[in-house]
Amino acid sequence: SSKKCKLGVPEAQEVMNVQTGVTSPLSSSSAPLSVDHLLAHFSQLSVTQSKEREAEKKVLRKKVKKLERSNGELEARVSSFEKDIKEHGQPVVLHASLRQ
């Protein structure tokens, strides 16, 4: 079903340029736009936007993985630091003992 429709007033034989206010005859090449053509155009936009969103998601997933690894490393360092504090005392005491 390739129905044709004109954008704007269905019976219009002229088109007005909204910027200049000049009315000109409606060219036969631009007059009827098929619904199929419009749907194909919007479908292509949708596919393009979907691909862009997928690419953004992929980048974000990589960033999340990197941050999770970094977070795990920091947690290990904190745990190690807390263990050292339990074994050797508070950092000020540890620092003072290292200076002697």
N, C-alpha and C. Protein backbone atom coordinates (compact mmCIF):
# COMPACT_ATOMS: atom_id res chain seq x y z
N SER A 1 0.85 -1.19 0.00
CA SER A 1 0.00 0.00 0.00
C SER A 1 0.88 1.23 0.00
N SER A 2 1.08 1.78 -1.17
CA SER A 2 1.89 3.00 -1.26
C SER A 2 0.98 4.19 -1.52
N LYS A 3 0.22 4.56 -0.50
CA LYS A 3 -0.67 5.72 -0.61
C LYS A 3 0.18 6.98 -0.64
N LYS A 4 -0.30 7.95 -1.37
CA LYS A 4 0.41 9.22 -1.46
C LYS A 4 -0.34 10.25 -0.63
N CYS A 5 0.42 11.11 0.02
CA CYS A 5 -0.24 12.20 0.73
C CYS A 5 0.63 13.43 0.59
N LYS A 6 0.00 14.59 0.61
CA LYS A 6 0.72 15.85 0.56
C LYS A 6 0.84 16.36 1.98
N LEU A 7 1.98 16.94 2.27
CA LEU A 7 2.13 17.55 3.58
C LEU A 7 1.43 18.89 3.55
N GLY A 8 0.71 19.20 4.60
CA GLY A 8 -0.02 20.46 4.64
C GLY A 8 -1.45 20.24 4.19
N VAL A 9 -2.00 21.22 3.50
CA VAL A 9 -3.39 21.16 3.05
C VAL A 9 -3.49 20.20 1.87
N PRO A 10 -4.39 19.21 1.94
CA PRO A 10 -4.47 18.20 0.88
C PRO A 10 -4.73 18.76 -0.52
N GLU A 11 -5.47 19.84 -0.62
CA GLU A 11 -5.83 20.38 -1.94
C GLU A 11 -4.88 21.47 -2.41
N ALA A 12 -3.82 21.75 -1.66
CA ALA A 12 -2.95 22.88 -1.98
C ALA A 12 -2.22 22.67 -3.30
N GLN A 13 -2.23 23.71 -4.13
CA GLN A 13 -1.48 23.72 -5.38
C GLN A 13 -0.29 24.67 -5.28
N GLU A 14 -0.22 25.41 -4.18
CA GLU A 14 0.87 26.35 -3.96
C GLU A 14 1.47 26.08 -2.59
N VAL A 15 2.68 26.53 -2.42
CA VAL A 15 3.34 26.40 -1.13
C VAL A 15 3.89 27.76 -0.74
N MET A 16 3.81 28.08 0.56
CA MET A 16 4.30 29.38 1.02
C MET A 16 5.58 29.17 1.82
N ASN A 17 6.59 29.96 1.50
CA ASN A 17 7.83 29.96 2.26
C ASN A 17 7.58 30.77 3.52
N VAL A 18 7.65 30.12 4.67
CA VAL A 18 7.29 30.80 5.91
C VAL A 18 8.31 31.87 6.29
N GLN A 19 9.54 31.78 5.80
CA GLN A 19 10.54 32.80 6.13
C GLN A 19 10.34 34.07 5.31
N THR A 20 10.02 33.91 4.01
CA THR A 20 9.90 35.09 3.15
C THR A 20 8.45 35.50 2.92
N GLY A 21 7.52 34.60 3.17
CA GLY A 21 6.11 34.89 2.92
C GLY A 21 5.74 34.81 1.45
N VAL A 22 6.66 34.35 0.59
CA VAL A 22 6.43 34.26 -0.85
C VAL A 22 5.73 32.94 -1.16
N THR A 23 4.64 33.05 -1.95
CA THR A 23 3.91 31.86 -2.36
C THR A 23 4.39 31.46 -3.75
N SER A 24 4.66 30.17 -3.93
CA SER A 24 5.10 29.69 -5.24
C SER A 24 4.33 28.42 -5.57
N PRO A 25 4.26 28.09 -6.87
CA PRO A 25 3.55 26.86 -7.25
C PRO A 25 4.23 25.64 -6.63
N LEU A 26 3.44 24.67 -6.27
CA LEU A 26 3.94 23.44 -5.68
C LEU A 26 4.54 22.59 -6.80
N SER A 27 5.82 22.28 -6.70
CA SER A 27 6.44 21.48 -7.76
C SER A 27 5.95 20.04 -7.67
N SER A 28 5.80 19.43 -8.82
CA SER A 28 5.27 18.06 -8.84
C SER A 28 6.24 17.08 -8.20
N SER A 29 7.53 17.41 -8.19
CA SER A 29 8.50 16.48 -7.61
C SER A 29 8.44 16.44 -6.09
N SER A 30 8.05 17.57 -5.48
CA SER A 30 8.03 17.59 -4.02
C SER A 30 6.62 17.45 -3.45
N ALA A 31 5.62 17.52 -4.29
CA ALA A 31 4.24 17.53 -3.80
C ALA A 31 3.86 16.26 -3.05
N PRO A 32 3.72 15.13 -3.73
CA PRO A 32 3.27 13.96 -2.98
C PRO A 32 4.44 13.18 -2.41
N LEU A 33 4.43 13.01 -1.12
CA LEU A 33 5.42 12.16 -0.47
C LEU A 33 4.72 10.88 -0.08
N SER A 34 5.28 9.78 -0.45
CA SER A 34 4.62 8.53 -0.12
C SER A 34 4.80 8.22 1.36
N VAL A 35 3.81 7.59 1.92
CA VAL A 35 3.87 7.18 3.31
C VAL A 35 5.04 6.22 3.50
N ASP A 36 5.23 5.35 2.51
CA ASP A 36 6.35 4.40 2.58
C ASP A 36 7.69 5.12 2.67
N HIS A 37 7.82 6.20 1.89
CA HIS A 37 9.07 6.97 1.91
C HIS A 37 9.29 7.58 3.29
N LEU A 38 8.23 8.16 3.85
CA LEU A 38 8.34 8.77 5.18
C LEU A 38 8.66 7.72 6.24
N LEU A 39 7.98 6.59 6.17
CA LEU A 39 8.23 5.52 7.13
C LEU A 39 9.66 5.00 7.02
N ALA A 40 10.15 4.87 5.80
CA ALA A 40 11.52 4.39 5.60
C ALA A 40 12.51 5.38 6.20
N HIS A 41 12.23 6.68 6.00
CA HIS A 41 13.11 7.72 6.55
C HIS A 41 13.13 7.66 8.07
N PHE A 42 11.95 7.60 8.69
CA PHE A 42 11.87 7.54 10.16
C PHE A 42 12.45 6.24 10.69
N SER A 43 12.26 5.17 9.95
CA SER A 43 12.82 3.88 10.36
C SER A 43 14.35 3.95 10.35
N GLN A 44 14.90 4.58 9.31
CA GLN A 44 16.36 4.73 9.23
C GLN A 44 16.88 5.58 10.38
N LEU A 45 16.16 6.66 10.71
CA LEU A 45 16.55 7.48 11.86
C LEU A 45 16.55 6.66 13.13
N SER A 46 15.52 5.84 13.28
CA SER A 46 15.40 5.00 14.47
C SER A 46 16.55 4.02 14.56
N VAL A 47 16.90 3.40 13.44
CA VAL A 47 18.01 2.44 13.42
C VAL A 47 19.32 3.15 13.76
N THR A 48 19.53 4.32 13.18
CA THR A 48 20.75 5.09 13.44
C THR A 48 20.84 5.45 14.92
N GLN A 49 19.73 5.96 15.48
CA GLN A 49 19.73 6.34 16.89
C GLN A 49 19.94 5.12 17.77
N SER A 50 19.37 3.99 17.39
CA SER A 50 19.53 2.76 18.15
C SER A 50 20.99 2.32 18.15
N LYS A 51 21.64 2.41 16.99
CA LYS A 51 23.06 2.04 16.90
C LYS A 51 23.92 2.97 17.75
N GLU A 52 23.58 4.27 17.73
CA GLU A 52 24.32 5.24 18.54
C GLU A 52 24.16 4.92 20.02
N ARG A 53 22.92 4.60 20.44
CA ARG A 53 22.68 4.25 21.84
C ARG A 53 23.44 2.99 22.23
N GLU A 54 23.47 2.00 21.36
CA GLU A 54 24.21 0.77 21.64
C GLU A 54 25.71 1.06 21.79
N ALA A 55 26.23 1.92 20.92
CA ALA A 55 27.66 2.29 21.01
C ALA A 55 27.94 3.00 22.33
N GLU A 56 27.03 3.91 22.73
CA GLU A 56 27.20 4.61 24.01
C GLU A 56 27.13 3.63 25.17
N LYS A 57 26.19 2.67 25.10
CA LYS A 57 26.08 1.67 26.16
C LYS A 57 27.36 0.85 26.27
N LYS A 58 27.93 0.49 25.13
CA LYS A 58 29.16 -0.32 25.11
C LYS A 58 30.30 0.45 25.79
N VAL A 59 30.43 1.74 25.46
CA VAL A 59 31.46 2.57 26.07
C VAL A 59 31.23 2.67 27.58
N LEU A 60 29.97 2.88 27.97
CA LEU A 60 29.66 2.99 29.40
C LEU A 60 29.92 1.69 30.14
N ARG A 61 29.59 0.55 29.50
CA ARG A 61 29.86 -0.75 30.14
C ARG A 61 31.37 -0.93 30.38
N LYS A 62 32.18 -0.51 29.40
CA LYS A 62 33.64 -0.61 29.57
C LYS A 62 34.10 0.27 30.72
N LYS A 63 33.54 1.49 30.81
CA LYS A 63 33.91 2.39 31.90
C LYS A 63 33.52 1.80 33.25
N VAL A 64 32.33 1.20 33.31
CA VAL A 64 31.87 0.58 34.56
C VAL A 64 32.81 -0.54 34.97
N LYS A 65 33.20 -1.40 34.02
CA LYS A 65 34.12 -2.50 34.33
C LYS A 65 35.45 -1.96 34.85
N LYS A 66 35.95 -0.91 34.20
CA LYS A 66 37.22 -0.32 34.63
C LYS A 66 37.09 0.25 36.04
N LEU A 67 35.99 0.94 36.31
CA LEU A 67 35.77 1.51 37.64
C LEU A 67 35.60 0.43 38.69
N GLU A 68 34.92 -0.66 38.33
CA GLU A 68 34.75 -1.77 39.27
C GLU A 68 36.10 -2.39 39.62
N ARG A 69 36.97 -2.56 38.61
CA ARG A 69 38.32 -3.09 38.87
C ARG A 69 39.08 -2.14 39.79
N SER A 70 39.02 -0.86 39.47
CA SER A 70 39.70 0.14 40.27
C SER A 70 39.17 0.15 41.70
N ASN A 71 37.86 0.03 41.84
CA ASN A 71 37.23 -0.01 43.15
C ASN A 71 37.71 -1.23 43.94
N GLY A 72 37.79 -2.37 43.27
CA GLY A 72 38.28 -3.59 43.91
C GLY A 72 39.72 -3.42 44.40
N GLU A 73 40.55 -2.78 43.57
CA GLU A 73 41.94 -2.53 43.95
C GLU A 73 42.01 -1.60 45.17
N LEU A 74 41.16 -0.56 45.16
CA LEU A 74 41.14 0.36 46.30
C LEU A 74 40.67 -0.33 47.57
N GLU A 75 39.66 -1.18 47.45
CA GLU A 75 39.17 -1.93 48.61
C GLU A 75 40.28 -2.81 49.18
N ALA A 76 41.06 -3.43 48.30
CA ALA A 76 42.17 -4.28 48.75
C ALA A 76 43.22 -3.45 49.47
N ARG A 77 43.51 -2.25 48.96
CA ARG A 77 44.50 -1.38 49.61
C ARG A 77 44.01 -0.91 50.97
N VAL A 78 42.72 -0.54 51.05
CA VAL A 78 42.15 -0.11 52.32
C VAL A 78 42.21 -1.25 53.32
N SER A 79 41.85 -2.43 52.87
CA SER A 79 41.89 -3.61 53.75
C SER A 79 43.31 -3.85 54.25
N SER A 80 44.27 -3.74 53.35
CA SER A 80 45.67 -3.93 53.72
C SER A 80 46.11 -2.84 54.71
N PHE A 81 45.68 -1.61 54.46
CA PHE A 81 46.02 -0.49 55.33
C PHE A 81 45.41 -0.71 56.72
N GLU A 82 44.14 -1.14 56.76
CA GLU A 82 43.48 -1.40 58.05
C GLU A 82 44.20 -2.52 58.79
N LYS A 83 44.64 -3.54 58.08
CA LYS A 83 45.38 -4.65 58.68
C LYS A 83 46.70 -4.15 59.28
N ASP A 84 47.39 -3.29 58.52
CA ASP A 84 48.65 -2.72 59.03
C ASP A 84 48.42 -1.89 60.28
N ILE A 85 47.31 -1.14 60.32
CA ILE A 85 47.00 -0.33 61.50
C ILE A 85 46.79 -1.23 62.71
N LYS A 86 46.05 -2.31 62.51
CA LYS A 86 45.81 -3.24 63.63
C LYS A 86 47.12 -3.84 64.13
N GLU A 87 48.01 -4.17 63.20
CA GLU A 87 49.27 -4.81 63.58
C GLU A 87 50.30 -3.83 64.13
N HIS A 88 50.36 -2.62 63.58
CA HIS A 88 51.45 -1.69 63.90
C HIS A 88 51.00 -0.42 64.60
N GLY A 89 49.73 -0.22 64.81
CA GLY A 89 49.25 0.99 65.47
C GLY A 89 48.78 2.03 64.47
N GLN A 90 48.38 3.19 65.01
CA GLN A 90 47.85 4.28 64.19
C GLN A 90 48.94 4.84 63.28
N PRO A 91 48.56 5.45 62.15
CA PRO A 91 49.55 5.97 61.19
C PRO A 91 50.54 6.95 61.81
N VAL A 92 50.09 7.80 62.77
CA VAL A 92 51.00 8.77 63.38
C VAL A 92 52.10 8.03 64.14
N VAL A 93 51.69 7.00 64.89
CA VAL A 93 52.66 6.21 65.65
C VAL A 93 53.59 5.48 64.69
N LEU A 94 53.02 4.93 63.65
CA LEU A 94 53.82 4.21 62.65
C LEU A 94 54.83 5.14 62.00
N HIS A 95 54.36 6.35 61.65
CA HIS A 95 55.23 7.33 61.01
C HIS A 95 56.37 7.72 61.96
N ALA A 96 56.04 7.94 63.22
CA ALA A 96 57.05 8.32 64.21
C ALA A 96 58.07 7.21 64.39
N SER A 97 57.59 5.97 64.41
CA SER A 97 58.52 4.85 64.60
C SER A 97 59.43 4.67 63.39
N LEU A 98 58.94 5.01 62.22
CA LEU A 98 59.76 4.90 61.01
C LEU A 98 60.83 5.98 60.97
N ARG A 99 60.58 7.13 61.60
CA ARG A 99 61.53 8.24 61.58
C ARG A 99 62.72 7.97 62.50
N GLN A 100 62.54 7.11 63.48
CA GLN A 100 63.61 6.87 64.46
C GLN A 100 64.68 5.97 63.92
